[in-house]
Amino acid sequence: MATQMGLGLLGSSENIFKRKFRWTMEFITVCGIKGLNIEPSFVKAANRPSLTIEETEINFLNGKMWIPGKGTPDTTQVTYYDVASIQGGDVVSSLFTWLATVYNFTDEIGLSQSSKSRGAGGYCAEEGKLSMLDGCGIVIDEFVYKQCWPTQINFGELDYSSNDECTIDVTLRYKNFVYTPKGKCAKDFDIYCAGCVPKGKFDKKKSGQLGEQTEVTGFEVV
């Protein structure tokens, strides 16, 4: 039987393609201070999460094989427009507050660092929420970075020959991230876990349910 060479399901009118320009990114409860948020209005670019799963090499005699090892959430980057205005100044001020809490570069002698990750005065933002939107502004799905903190803030280079706007690049480390399908367009999924049980038996759960293993390094589903 010949393969149908058209678009098939990809061409369905029910498909809503996620677009790279339909999203928002905001940080909530920065430094554990309620109301200290970094609004999404001045974000120019951002990355969705990236997770690296290490390979463990198994050797015996002439052969070798690989099995999955630990998962490591990779750092992510957010780029802000550097705008001189009251609202834009709030964004820059919040970024400075966050960075100086992690490492107080304003005091060359004291060089204090907040030792708490959470709670008032801690060095983390409770959440970094990246929401994917459809053309009507409805949230399709969300990635939430949990307990994130800046490892680098780069105010960028200047160039007399350039017409580009100034930006601020922020690199972030986070504890883990949560993926949440929203609405009717993003479908939920199953999670399987096979271990030391009889053949053909394995743990199956819906996203958001807890199985025997209640902690997943780097990736949570709600």
N, C-alpha and C. Protein backbone atom coordinates (compact mmCIF):
# COMPACT_ATOMS: atom_id res chain seq x y z
N MET A 1 0.85 -1.19 0.00
CA MET A 1 0.00 0.00 0.00
C MET A 1 0.87 1.24 0.00
N ALA A 2 0.62 2.13 -0.92
CA ALA A 2 1.43 3.35 -1.04
C ALA A 2 1.17 4.29 0.13
N THR A 3 2.22 4.98 0.53
CA THR A 3 2.11 5.98 1.59
C THR A 3 1.45 7.24 1.06
N GLN A 4 0.47 7.77 1.78
CA GLN A 4 -0.15 9.04 1.40
C GLN A 4 0.89 10.15 1.55
N MET A 5 1.09 10.94 0.52
CA MET A 5 2.19 11.90 0.48
C MET A 5 1.76 13.32 0.84
N GLY A 6 0.52 13.48 1.30
CA GLY A 6 0.08 14.81 1.72
C GLY A 6 0.51 15.11 3.15
N LEU A 7 -0.02 16.19 3.73
CA LEU A 7 0.34 16.61 5.08
C LEU A 7 -0.28 15.72 6.15
N GLY A 8 -1.36 15.02 5.81
CA GLY A 8 -1.99 14.14 6.79
C GLY A 8 -2.46 14.90 8.01
N LEU A 9 -2.22 14.33 9.19
CA LEU A 9 -2.66 14.96 10.43
C LEU A 9 -2.03 16.32 10.65
N LEU A 10 -0.83 16.51 10.10
CA LEU A 10 -0.16 17.80 10.27
C LEU A 10 -0.96 18.94 9.65
N GLY A 11 -1.73 18.62 8.61
CA GLY A 11 -2.51 19.65 7.94
C GLY A 11 -3.91 19.84 8.49
N SER A 12 -4.20 19.19 9.61
CA SER A 12 -5.54 19.31 10.20
C SER A 12 -5.82 20.74 10.64
N SER A 13 -7.06 21.17 10.43
CA SER A 13 -7.46 22.52 10.83
C SER A 13 -7.53 22.66 12.35
N GLU A 14 -7.48 21.53 13.08
CA GLU A 14 -7.53 21.57 14.54
C GLU A 14 -6.18 21.88 15.16
N ASN A 15 -5.10 21.78 14.36
CA ASN A 15 -3.76 22.02 14.90
C ASN A 15 -3.54 23.49 15.19
N ILE A 16 -2.98 23.78 16.34
CA ILE A 16 -2.55 25.13 16.68
C ILE A 16 -1.05 25.09 16.88
N PHE A 17 -0.32 25.67 15.95
CA PHE A 17 1.14 25.67 16.03
C PHE A 17 1.59 26.68 17.08
N LYS A 18 2.40 26.22 18.00
CA LYS A 18 3.00 27.15 18.96
C LYS A 18 4.01 28.02 18.22
N ARG A 19 3.94 29.32 18.46
CA ARG A 19 4.80 30.24 17.75
C ARG A 19 5.86 30.84 18.68
N LYS A 20 7.02 31.11 18.13
CA LYS A 20 8.13 31.60 18.93
C LYS A 20 7.92 33.03 19.43
N PHE A 21 6.91 33.71 18.93
CA PHE A 21 6.66 35.09 19.37
C PHE A 21 5.42 35.20 20.26
N ARG A 22 4.81 34.08 20.64
CA ARG A 22 3.61 34.11 21.48
C ARG A 22 3.90 33.47 22.82
N TRP A 23 4.40 34.24 23.76
CA TRP A 23 4.76 33.74 25.07
C TRP A 23 5.02 34.92 26.01
N THR A 24 5.02 34.65 27.28
CA THR A 24 5.42 35.64 28.28
C THR A 24 6.34 34.95 29.30
N MET A 25 7.19 35.75 29.94
CA MET A 25 8.11 35.23 30.95
C MET A 25 8.14 36.20 32.12
N GLU A 26 7.84 35.72 33.30
CA GLU A 26 7.86 36.58 34.48
C GLU A 26 8.44 35.83 35.67
N PHE A 27 8.95 36.60 36.62
CA PHE A 27 9.49 36.01 37.85
C PHE A 27 8.68 36.51 39.02
N ILE A 28 8.30 35.58 39.90
CA ILE A 28 7.35 35.86 40.96
C ILE A 28 8.01 35.65 42.32
N THR A 29 7.76 36.58 43.23
CA THR A 29 8.29 36.54 44.61
C THR A 29 9.81 36.44 44.58
N VAL A 30 10.44 37.45 43.99
CA VAL A 30 11.90 37.51 43.94
C VAL A 30 12.45 37.76 45.33
N CYS A 31 13.50 37.04 45.67
CA CYS A 31 14.14 37.14 46.99
C CYS A 31 13.16 36.85 48.12
N GLY A 32 12.11 36.10 47.82
CA GLY A 32 11.13 35.74 48.84
C GLY A 32 10.27 36.89 49.31
N ILE A 33 10.31 38.01 48.60
CA ILE A 33 9.55 39.19 48.99
C ILE A 33 8.24 39.22 48.21
N LYS A 34 7.12 39.08 48.88
CA LYS A 34 5.83 39.11 48.22
C LYS A 34 5.61 40.47 47.55
N GLY A 35 5.20 40.44 46.30
CA GLY A 35 5.00 41.68 45.56
C GLY A 35 6.21 42.12 44.77
N LEU A 36 7.39 41.53 45.06
CA LEU A 36 8.58 41.85 44.28
C LEU A 36 8.66 40.88 43.11
N ASN A 37 8.09 41.29 42.00
CA ASN A 37 8.03 40.47 40.80
C ASN A 37 8.74 41.19 39.66
N ILE A 38 9.20 40.43 38.69
CA ILE A 38 9.77 41.01 37.47
C ILE A 38 8.79 40.73 36.35
N GLU A 39 8.12 41.78 35.91
CA GLU A 39 7.02 41.66 34.95
C GLU A 39 7.53 41.25 33.57
N PRO A 40 6.65 40.69 32.74
CA PRO A 40 7.08 40.17 31.43
C PRO A 40 7.21 41.22 30.33
N SER A 41 6.78 42.45 30.58
CA SER A 41 6.64 43.43 29.49
C SER A 41 7.95 43.77 28.79
N PHE A 42 9.08 43.71 29.49
CA PHE A 42 10.34 44.14 28.90
C PHE A 42 11.25 42.97 28.52
N VAL A 43 10.69 41.78 28.43
CA VAL A 43 11.48 40.62 28.03
C VAL A 43 11.60 40.59 26.50
N LYS A 44 12.80 40.45 26.00
CA LYS A 44 13.04 40.37 24.56
C LYS A 44 13.13 38.92 24.09
N ALA A 45 13.81 38.07 24.84
CA ALA A 45 14.03 36.68 24.43
C ALA A 45 14.18 35.81 25.68
N ALA A 46 13.84 34.54 25.53
CA ALA A 46 13.99 33.59 26.63
C ALA A 46 14.10 32.19 26.06
N ASN A 47 14.51 31.27 26.89
CA ASN A 47 14.63 29.86 26.50
C ASN A 47 13.65 29.02 27.29
N ARG A 48 13.10 28.01 26.63
CA ARG A 48 12.38 26.99 27.36
C ARG A 48 13.41 26.06 28.01
N PRO A 49 12.99 25.25 28.99
CA PRO A 49 13.97 24.45 29.74
C PRO A 49 14.72 23.45 28.86
N SER A 50 15.89 23.09 29.34
CA SER A 50 16.71 22.08 28.71
C SER A 50 17.22 21.13 29.80
N LEU A 51 17.09 19.85 29.55
CA LEU A 51 17.49 18.83 30.54
C LEU A 51 18.48 17.88 29.90
N THR A 52 19.65 17.74 30.50
CA THR A 52 20.67 16.82 30.01
C THR A 52 20.68 15.56 30.88
N ILE A 53 20.52 14.40 30.25
CA ILE A 53 20.58 13.12 30.97
C ILE A 53 21.94 12.49 30.68
N GLU A 54 22.70 12.31 31.72
CA GLU A 54 24.06 11.77 31.57
C GLU A 54 24.01 10.30 31.13
N GLU A 55 25.07 9.89 30.46
CA GLU A 55 25.22 8.50 30.06
C GLU A 55 26.20 7.79 31.00
N THR A 56 25.83 6.60 31.45
CA THR A 56 26.72 5.77 32.26
C THR A 56 27.21 4.62 31.40
N GLU A 57 28.53 4.51 31.24
CA GLU A 57 29.10 3.48 30.37
C GLU A 57 29.35 2.20 31.17
N ILE A 58 28.83 1.10 30.68
CA ILE A 58 29.01 -0.21 31.30
C ILE A 58 29.96 -1.04 30.44
N ASN A 59 31.04 -1.55 31.04
CA ASN A 59 32.04 -2.32 30.31
C ASN A 59 32.16 -3.74 30.85
N PHE A 60 32.29 -4.70 29.94
CA PHE A 60 32.61 -6.07 30.34
C PHE A 60 33.24 -6.78 29.14
N LEU A 61 34.47 -7.33 29.37
CA LEU A 61 35.21 -8.00 28.31
C LEU A 61 35.30 -7.12 27.06
N ASN A 62 34.89 -7.64 25.89
CA ASN A 62 35.01 -6.88 24.66
C ASN A 62 33.85 -5.92 24.41
N GLY A 63 32.87 -5.97 25.24
CA GLY A 63 31.66 -5.19 24.96
C GLY A 63 31.48 -4.00 25.88
N LYS A 64 30.64 -3.10 25.42
CA LYS A 64 30.26 -1.97 26.24
C LYS A 64 28.83 -1.57 25.87
N MET A 65 28.17 -0.91 26.83
CA MET A 65 26.83 -0.42 26.59
C MET A 65 26.63 0.83 27.44
N TRP A 66 25.52 1.49 27.22
CA TRP A 66 25.24 2.71 27.97
C TRP A 66 23.84 2.65 28.55
N ILE A 67 23.71 3.17 29.75
CA ILE A 67 22.41 3.29 30.39
C ILE A 67 22.24 4.74 30.86
N PRO A 68 20.99 5.17 31.00
CA PRO A 68 20.79 6.56 31.42
C PRO A 68 21.24 6.78 32.85
N GLY A 69 21.84 7.94 33.09
CA GLY A 69 22.30 8.30 34.43
C GLY A 69 21.47 9.43 35.00
N LYS A 70 22.11 10.30 35.74
CA LYS A 70 21.42 11.40 36.40
C LYS A 70 20.99 12.46 35.37
N GLY A 71 19.90 13.11 35.68
CA GLY A 71 19.44 14.23 34.86
C GLY A 71 19.86 15.55 35.48
N THR A 72 20.34 16.46 34.64
CA THR A 72 20.78 17.76 35.12
C THR A 72 20.04 18.86 34.37
N PRO A 73 19.25 19.68 35.06
CA PRO A 73 18.63 20.82 34.40
C PRO A 73 19.70 21.82 33.98
N ASP A 74 19.71 22.21 32.72
CA ASP A 74 20.69 23.17 32.23
C ASP A 74 20.27 24.58 32.60
N THR A 75 21.24 25.48 32.67
CA THR A 75 20.91 26.88 32.93
C THR A 75 20.08 27.43 31.77
N THR A 76 19.36 28.48 32.05
CA THR A 76 18.55 29.12 31.02
C THR A 76 18.87 30.60 30.99
N GLN A 77 18.47 31.27 29.93
CA GLN A 77 18.82 32.69 29.77
C GLN A 77 17.59 33.48 29.37
N VAL A 78 17.48 34.67 29.96
CA VAL A 78 16.42 35.62 29.64
C VAL A 78 17.09 36.94 29.27
N THR A 79 16.63 37.56 28.18
CA THR A 79 17.17 38.84 27.73
C THR A 79 16.11 39.92 27.89
N TYR A 80 16.49 41.02 28.55
CA TYR A 80 15.58 42.14 28.79
C TYR A 80 15.99 43.35 27.95
N TYR A 81 14.99 44.11 27.51
CA TYR A 81 15.27 45.43 26.97
C TYR A 81 15.71 46.33 28.12
N ASP A 82 16.78 47.07 27.91
CA ASP A 82 17.27 48.02 28.92
C ASP A 82 16.61 49.38 28.62
N VAL A 83 15.52 49.65 29.29
CA VAL A 83 14.69 50.81 29.00
C VAL A 83 14.78 51.82 30.13
N ALA A 84 14.92 53.11 29.77
CA ALA A 84 14.95 54.19 30.74
C ALA A 84 13.54 54.74 30.91
N SER A 85 12.83 54.23 31.90
CA SER A 85 11.48 54.69 32.22
C SER A 85 11.17 54.23 33.62
N ILE A 86 10.04 54.66 34.15
CA ILE A 86 9.69 54.25 35.51
C ILE A 86 9.49 52.75 35.58
N GLN A 87 8.68 52.22 34.65
CA GLN A 87 8.43 50.78 34.67
C GLN A 87 9.68 50.00 34.27
N GLY A 88 10.38 50.47 33.25
CA GLY A 88 11.62 49.81 32.85
C GLY A 88 12.66 49.87 33.95
N GLY A 89 12.68 51.00 34.68
CA GLY A 89 13.60 51.14 35.80
C GLY A 89 13.29 50.15 36.90
N ASP A 90 12.00 49.83 37.08
CA ASP A 90 11.63 48.84 38.09
C ASP A 90 12.22 47.48 37.76
N VAL A 91 12.23 47.13 36.46
CA VAL A 91 12.80 45.85 36.04
C VAL A 91 14.29 45.81 36.36
N VAL A 92 15.02 46.87 35.98
CA VAL A 92 16.46 46.92 36.24
C VAL A 92 16.73 46.92 37.73
N SER A 93 15.94 47.68 38.49
CA SER A 93 16.11 47.72 39.94
C SER A 93 15.89 46.36 40.56
N SER A 94 14.87 45.63 40.08
CA SER A 94 14.60 44.30 40.61
C SER A 94 15.74 43.34 40.29
N LEU A 95 16.31 43.46 39.08
CA LEU A 95 17.44 42.61 38.71
C LEU A 95 18.64 42.90 39.61
N PHE A 96 18.91 44.20 39.87
CA PHE A 96 20.01 44.56 40.76
C PHE A 96 19.76 44.03 42.18
N THR A 97 18.52 44.15 42.65
CA THR A 97 18.18 43.63 43.98
C THR A 97 18.46 42.14 44.06
N TRP A 98 18.04 41.43 43.02
CA TRP A 98 18.22 39.98 42.98
C TRP A 98 19.70 39.61 42.98
N LEU A 99 20.47 40.25 42.09
CA LEU A 99 21.90 39.93 41.98
C LEU A 99 22.65 40.28 43.27
N ALA A 100 22.36 41.46 43.84
CA ALA A 100 23.07 41.89 45.05
C ALA A 100 22.70 41.03 46.25
N THR A 101 21.52 40.41 46.23
CA THR A 101 21.15 39.48 47.30
C THR A 101 21.94 38.19 47.18
N VAL A 102 22.12 37.72 45.94
CA VAL A 102 22.92 36.52 45.71
C VAL A 102 24.39 36.79 46.03
N TYR A 103 24.88 37.96 45.60
CA TYR A 103 26.28 38.33 45.85
C TYR A 103 26.35 39.85 45.88
N ASN A 104 26.58 40.41 47.05
CA ASN A 104 26.52 41.86 47.22
C ASN A 104 27.75 42.56 46.65
N PHE A 105 27.69 42.81 45.34
CA PHE A 105 28.81 43.46 44.66
C PHE A 105 28.92 44.94 45.02
N THR A 106 27.93 45.49 45.72
CA THR A 106 27.97 46.92 46.08
C THR A 106 28.87 47.20 47.28
N ASP A 107 29.25 46.16 47.99
CA ASP A 107 30.08 46.30 49.19
C ASP A 107 31.37 45.50 48.98
N GLU A 108 32.42 46.20 48.57
CA GLU A 108 33.66 45.50 48.22
C GLU A 108 34.38 44.93 49.43
N ILE A 109 34.00 45.35 50.62
CA ILE A 109 34.63 44.83 51.83
C ILE A 109 33.78 43.71 52.43
N GLY A 110 32.49 43.96 52.58
CA GLY A 110 31.62 42.98 53.20
C GLY A 110 31.32 41.79 52.30
N LEU A 111 31.00 42.06 51.03
CA LEU A 111 30.67 41.02 50.04
C LEU A 111 29.73 39.96 50.61
N SER A 112 28.62 40.43 51.17
CA SER A 112 27.68 39.50 51.79
C SER A 112 26.95 38.67 50.74
N GLN A 113 26.49 37.51 51.17
CA GLN A 113 25.69 36.62 50.35
C GLN A 113 24.55 36.06 51.20
N SER A 114 23.33 36.12 50.66
CA SER A 114 22.22 35.52 51.38
C SER A 114 22.42 34.01 51.42
N SER A 115 22.23 33.43 52.59
CA SER A 115 22.46 32.00 52.77
C SER A 115 21.19 31.18 52.64
N LYS A 116 20.04 31.84 52.66
CA LYS A 116 18.77 31.14 52.55
C LYS A 116 18.33 31.13 51.09
N SER A 117 17.80 29.99 50.65
CA SER A 117 17.30 29.92 49.29
C SER A 117 15.88 30.46 49.18
N ARG A 118 15.09 30.27 50.24
CA ARG A 118 13.68 30.66 50.21
C ARG A 118 13.34 31.50 51.42
N GLY A 119 12.17 32.11 51.36
CA GLY A 119 11.75 32.98 52.45
C GLY A 119 12.23 34.39 52.22
N ALA A 120 11.76 35.31 53.05
CA ALA A 120 12.11 36.72 52.89
C ALA A 120 13.62 36.92 52.98
N GLY A 121 14.17 37.56 51.97
CA GLY A 121 15.61 37.81 51.93
C GLY A 121 16.41 36.69 51.32
N GLY A 122 15.75 35.63 50.86
CA GLY A 122 16.47 34.52 50.23
C GLY A 122 16.94 34.89 48.83
N TYR A 123 17.81 34.06 48.28
CA TYR A 123 18.41 34.40 46.99
C TYR A 123 17.63 33.88 45.78
N CYS A 124 16.55 33.14 46.01
CA CYS A 124 15.78 32.59 44.89
C CYS A 124 14.52 33.40 44.62
N ALA A 125 14.09 33.35 43.38
CA ALA A 125 12.71 33.69 43.06
C ALA A 125 11.91 32.40 43.17
N GLU A 126 10.72 32.48 43.75
CA GLU A 126 9.93 31.26 43.92
C GLU A 126 9.63 30.60 42.58
N GLU A 127 9.28 31.42 41.58
CA GLU A 127 8.92 30.87 40.28
C GLU A 127 9.38 31.79 39.16
N GLY A 128 9.79 31.16 38.07
CA GLY A 128 9.94 31.84 36.79
C GLY A 128 8.96 31.20 35.83
N LYS A 129 7.91 31.91 35.46
CA LYS A 129 6.81 31.31 34.71
C LYS A 129 6.87 31.71 33.24
N LEU A 130 7.03 30.70 32.38
CA LEU A 130 7.05 30.90 30.94
C LEU A 130 5.76 30.31 30.38
N SER A 131 4.89 31.16 29.83
CA SER A 131 3.58 30.74 29.35
C SER A 131 3.54 30.84 27.83
N MET A 132 3.18 29.74 27.18
CA MET A 132 2.97 29.72 25.73
C MET A 132 1.52 30.07 25.43
N LEU A 133 1.30 30.97 24.45
CA LEU A 133 -0.03 31.49 24.16
C LEU A 133 -0.47 31.15 22.75
N ASP A 134 -1.79 31.07 22.57
CA ASP A 134 -2.30 30.97 21.20
C ASP A 134 -2.56 32.39 20.69
N GLY A 135 -3.10 32.49 19.48
CA GLY A 135 -3.30 33.80 18.87
C GLY A 135 -4.33 34.66 19.57
N CYS A 136 -5.15 34.07 20.45
CA CYS A 136 -6.17 34.81 21.19
C CYS A 136 -5.69 35.17 22.59
N GLY A 137 -4.44 34.82 22.92
CA GLY A 137 -3.91 35.13 24.25
C GLY A 137 -4.23 34.10 25.31
N ILE A 138 -4.75 32.94 24.90
CA ILE A 138 -5.06 31.87 25.85
C ILE A 138 -3.80 31.04 26.09
N VAL A 139 -3.54 30.70 27.35
CA VAL A 139 -2.36 29.91 27.69
C VAL A 139 -2.55 28.48 27.21
N ILE A 140 -1.60 28.00 26.40
CA ILE A 140 -1.62 26.61 25.91
C ILE A 140 -0.94 25.69 26.91
N ASP A 141 0.25 26.07 27.34
CA ASP A 141 0.95 25.32 28.38
C ASP A 141 1.94 26.24 29.07
N GLU A 142 2.47 25.75 30.18
CA GLU A 142 3.40 26.55 30.97
C GLU A 142 4.60 25.71 31.40
N PHE A 143 5.76 26.36 31.39
CA PHE A 143 6.95 25.84 32.06
C PHE A 143 7.21 26.76 33.25
N VAL A 144 7.36 26.19 34.43
CA VAL A 144 7.64 26.98 35.62
C VAL A 144 8.99 26.56 36.18
N TYR A 145 9.93 27.50 36.19
CA TYR A 145 11.23 27.27 36.80
C TYR A 145 11.08 27.46 38.31
N LYS A 146 11.46 26.45 39.08
CA LYS A 146 11.32 26.50 40.52
C LYS A 146 12.63 26.92 41.19
N GLN A 147 12.50 27.85 42.14
CA GLN A 147 13.63 28.31 42.97
C GLN A 147 14.84 28.66 42.09
N CYS A 148 14.65 29.65 41.25
CA CYS A 148 15.72 30.06 40.33
C CYS A 148 16.50 31.25 40.89
N TRP A 149 17.74 31.37 40.47
CA TRP A 149 18.59 32.48 40.92
C TRP A 149 19.62 32.78 39.83
N PRO A 150 20.05 34.04 39.73
CA PRO A 150 20.95 34.44 38.65
C PRO A 150 22.39 34.01 38.91
N THR A 151 23.00 33.41 37.90
CA THR A 151 24.43 33.12 37.97
C THR A 151 25.24 34.16 37.22
N GLN A 152 24.57 34.93 36.36
CA GLN A 152 25.28 35.96 35.61
C GLN A 152 24.28 37.00 35.10
N ILE A 153 24.64 38.26 35.20
CA ILE A 153 23.90 39.34 34.56
C ILE A 153 24.89 40.12 33.70
N ASN A 154 24.62 40.15 32.40
CA ASN A 154 25.52 40.78 31.44
C ASN A 154 24.82 41.99 30.84
N PHE A 155 25.38 43.16 31.08
CA PHE A 155 24.78 44.40 30.57
C PHE A 155 25.21 44.71 29.14
N GLY A 156 25.99 43.83 28.55
CA GLY A 156 26.25 43.91 27.11
C GLY A 156 27.30 44.94 26.70
N GLU A 157 27.68 44.83 25.44
CA GLU A 157 28.68 45.74 24.89
C GLU A 157 28.01 46.94 24.23
N LEU A 158 28.78 47.99 24.08
CA LEU A 158 28.33 49.20 23.38
C LEU A 158 29.17 49.38 22.12
N ASP A 159 28.55 49.99 21.10
CA ASP A 159 29.22 50.10 19.81
C ASP A 159 28.69 51.34 19.10
N TYR A 160 29.57 52.33 18.83
CA TYR A 160 29.15 53.57 18.17
C TYR A 160 28.56 53.33 16.79
N SER A 161 28.94 52.25 16.14
CA SER A 161 28.47 51.99 14.78
C SER A 161 27.17 51.21 14.73
N SER A 162 26.62 50.86 15.90
CA SER A 162 25.43 50.00 15.94
C SER A 162 24.17 50.81 16.21
N ASN A 163 23.07 50.38 15.59
CA ASN A 163 21.75 50.96 15.84
C ASN A 163 20.92 50.11 16.80
N ASP A 164 21.48 49.03 17.32
CA ASP A 164 20.73 48.10 18.16
C ASP A 164 20.39 48.71 19.52
N GLU A 165 19.30 48.23 20.09
CA GLU A 165 18.92 48.66 21.44
C GLU A 165 19.81 47.95 22.47
N CYS A 166 19.94 48.55 23.64
CA CYS A 166 20.70 47.94 24.72
C CYS A 166 19.85 46.86 25.39
N THR A 167 20.49 45.79 25.79
CA THR A 167 19.79 44.68 26.44
C THR A 167 20.57 44.22 27.66
N ILE A 168 19.89 43.47 28.50
CA ILE A 168 20.49 42.86 29.69
C ILE A 168 20.26 41.36 29.60
N ASP A 169 21.33 40.59 29.60
CA ASP A 169 21.23 39.13 29.54
C ASP A 169 21.38 38.55 30.95
N VAL A 170 20.42 37.73 31.33
CA VAL A 170 20.44 37.11 32.66
C VAL A 170 20.49 35.60 32.49
N THR A 171 21.51 34.97 33.07
CA THR A 171 21.63 33.51 33.08
C THR A 171 21.17 33.00 34.43
N LEU A 172 20.33 31.96 34.41
CA LEU A 172 19.68 31.49 35.63
C LEU A 172 19.94 30.01 35.87
N ARG A 173 20.14 29.68 37.11
CA ARG A 173 20.15 28.30 37.57
C ARG A 173 18.85 28.08 38.35
N TYR A 174 18.32 26.86 38.32
CA TYR A 174 17.07 26.59 39.01
C TYR A 174 17.10 25.17 39.55
N LYS A 175 16.23 24.92 40.55
CA LYS A 175 16.20 23.60 41.18
C LYS A 175 15.62 22.56 40.25
N ASN A 176 14.48 22.86 39.67
CA ASN A 176 13.83 21.98 38.72
C ASN A 176 12.79 22.78 37.95
N PHE A 177 12.09 22.14 37.05
CA PHE A 177 11.03 22.84 36.34
C PHE A 177 9.79 21.97 36.27
N VAL A 178 8.65 22.62 36.14
CA VAL A 178 7.36 21.96 36.10
C VAL A 178 6.70 22.28 34.76
N TYR A 179 6.19 21.27 34.11
CA TYR A 179 5.45 21.46 32.87
C TYR A 179 3.96 21.21 33.14
N THR A 180 3.12 22.14 32.70
CA THR A 180 1.69 22.03 32.92
C THR A 180 0.93 22.26 31.63
N PRO A 181 0.29 21.22 31.05
CA PRO A 181 -0.60 21.45 29.91
C PRO A 181 -1.81 22.25 30.36
N LYS A 182 -2.26 23.16 29.51
CA LYS A 182 -3.41 24.00 29.85
C LYS A 182 -4.49 23.85 28.78
N GLY A 183 -5.73 24.07 29.20
CA GLY A 183 -6.83 24.12 28.26
C GLY A 183 -7.08 22.80 27.54
N LYS A 184 -7.73 22.88 26.38
CA LYS A 184 -8.13 21.71 25.63
C LYS A 184 -7.13 21.33 24.54
N CYS A 185 -6.15 22.19 24.29
CA CYS A 185 -5.25 21.96 23.16
C CYS A 185 -4.02 21.14 23.53
N ALA A 186 -3.59 21.21 24.78
CA ALA A 186 -2.40 20.47 25.22
C ALA A 186 -2.84 19.20 25.92
N LYS A 187 -2.44 18.06 25.39
CA LYS A 187 -2.88 16.77 25.92
C LYS A 187 -1.98 16.30 27.04
N ASP A 188 -2.61 15.72 28.06
CA ASP A 188 -1.87 15.14 29.17
C ASP A 188 -1.17 13.87 28.71
N PHE A 189 -0.28 13.33 29.52
CA PHE A 189 0.49 12.16 29.12
C PHE A 189 0.73 11.25 30.30
N ASP A 190 1.19 10.03 30.00
CA ASP A 190 1.48 9.03 31.02
C ASP A 190 2.97 9.01 31.35
N ILE A 191 3.29 8.49 32.52
CA ILE A 191 4.67 8.30 32.95
C ILE A 191 4.84 6.84 33.34
N TYR A 192 5.80 6.15 32.77
CA TYR A 192 6.05 4.75 33.07
C TYR A 192 7.34 4.61 33.89
N CYS A 193 7.35 3.62 34.75
CA CYS A 193 8.56 3.33 35.52
C CYS A 193 8.63 1.83 35.78
N ALA A 194 9.56 1.14 35.11
CA ALA A 194 9.76 -0.30 35.29
C ALA A 194 11.01 -0.52 36.13
N GLY A 195 10.91 -1.38 37.10
CA GLY A 195 12.06 -1.63 37.97
C GLY A 195 12.14 -3.09 38.37
N CYS A 196 12.44 -3.35 39.63
CA CYS A 196 12.66 -4.72 40.11
C CYS A 196 11.32 -5.36 40.46
N VAL A 197 10.55 -5.64 39.40
CA VAL A 197 9.24 -6.27 39.56
C VAL A 197 9.13 -7.37 38.52
N PRO A 198 8.14 -8.27 38.61
CA PRO A 198 8.02 -9.33 37.60
C PRO A 198 7.89 -8.79 36.20
N LYS A 199 8.33 -9.57 35.24
CA LYS A 199 8.31 -9.18 33.84
C LYS A 199 6.90 -8.80 33.42
N GLY A 200 6.80 -7.72 32.69
CA GLY A 200 5.52 -7.24 32.22
C GLY A 200 4.80 -6.34 33.20
N LYS A 201 5.35 -6.17 34.41
CA LYS A 201 4.76 -5.29 35.40
C LYS A 201 5.54 -3.99 35.47
N PHE A 202 4.83 -2.89 35.55
CA PHE A 202 5.50 -1.60 35.67
C PHE A 202 4.53 -0.60 36.28
N ASP A 203 5.08 0.48 36.77
CA ASP A 203 4.29 1.53 37.38
C ASP A 203 3.84 2.50 36.29
N LYS A 204 2.55 2.78 36.26
CA LYS A 204 2.01 3.74 35.32
C LYS A 204 1.20 4.76 36.09
N LYS A 205 1.43 6.02 35.80
CA LYS A 205 0.67 7.06 36.47
C LYS A 205 0.41 8.21 35.52
N LYS A 206 -0.64 8.91 35.79
CA LYS A 206 -0.93 10.13 35.05
C LYS A 206 -0.09 11.25 35.62
N SER A 207 0.18 12.25 34.79
CA SER A 207 0.93 13.40 35.28
C SER A 207 0.17 14.02 36.45
N GLY A 208 0.93 14.35 37.49
CA GLY A 208 0.32 14.91 38.68
C GLY A 208 0.06 13.89 39.77
N GLN A 209 0.13 12.59 39.44
CA GLN A 209 -0.05 11.55 40.43
C GLN A 209 1.31 11.07 40.94
N LEU A 210 1.34 10.66 42.18
CA LEU A 210 2.59 10.20 42.78
C LEU A 210 2.63 8.69 42.78
N GLY A 211 3.70 8.12 42.22
CA GLY A 211 3.91 6.68 42.25
C GLY A 211 4.81 6.32 43.42
N GLU A 212 5.55 5.22 43.27
CA GLU A 212 6.46 4.82 44.32
C GLU A 212 7.60 5.81 44.47
N GLN A 213 8.02 6.39 43.34
CA GLN A 213 9.07 7.38 43.37
C GLN A 213 8.41 8.75 43.31
N THR A 214 8.54 9.51 44.38
CA THR A 214 7.81 10.76 44.49
C THR A 214 8.64 11.97 44.07
N GLU A 215 9.91 11.79 43.80
CA GLU A 215 10.76 12.92 43.40
C GLU A 215 11.42 12.61 42.07
N VAL A 216 11.33 13.54 41.15
CA VAL A 216 11.95 13.39 39.84
C VAL A 216 12.97 14.51 39.68
N THR A 217 14.23 14.17 39.55
CA THR A 217 15.28 15.17 39.48
C THR A 217 15.15 15.99 38.21
N GLY A 218 14.95 17.27 38.39
CA GLY A 218 15.00 18.20 37.26
C GLY A 218 13.72 18.36 36.51
N PHE A 219 12.77 17.43 36.62
CA PHE A 219 11.58 17.53 35.79
C PHE A 219 10.38 17.07 36.57
N GLU A 220 9.41 17.93 36.78
CA GLU A 220 8.19 17.58 37.46
C GLU A 220 7.03 17.79 36.53
N VAL A 221 5.99 17.04 36.71
CA VAL A 221 4.77 17.19 35.93
C VAL A 221 3.61 17.39 36.88
N VAL A 222 2.77 18.38 36.61
CA VAL A 222 1.61 18.60 37.48
C VAL A 222 0.35 18.54 36.65
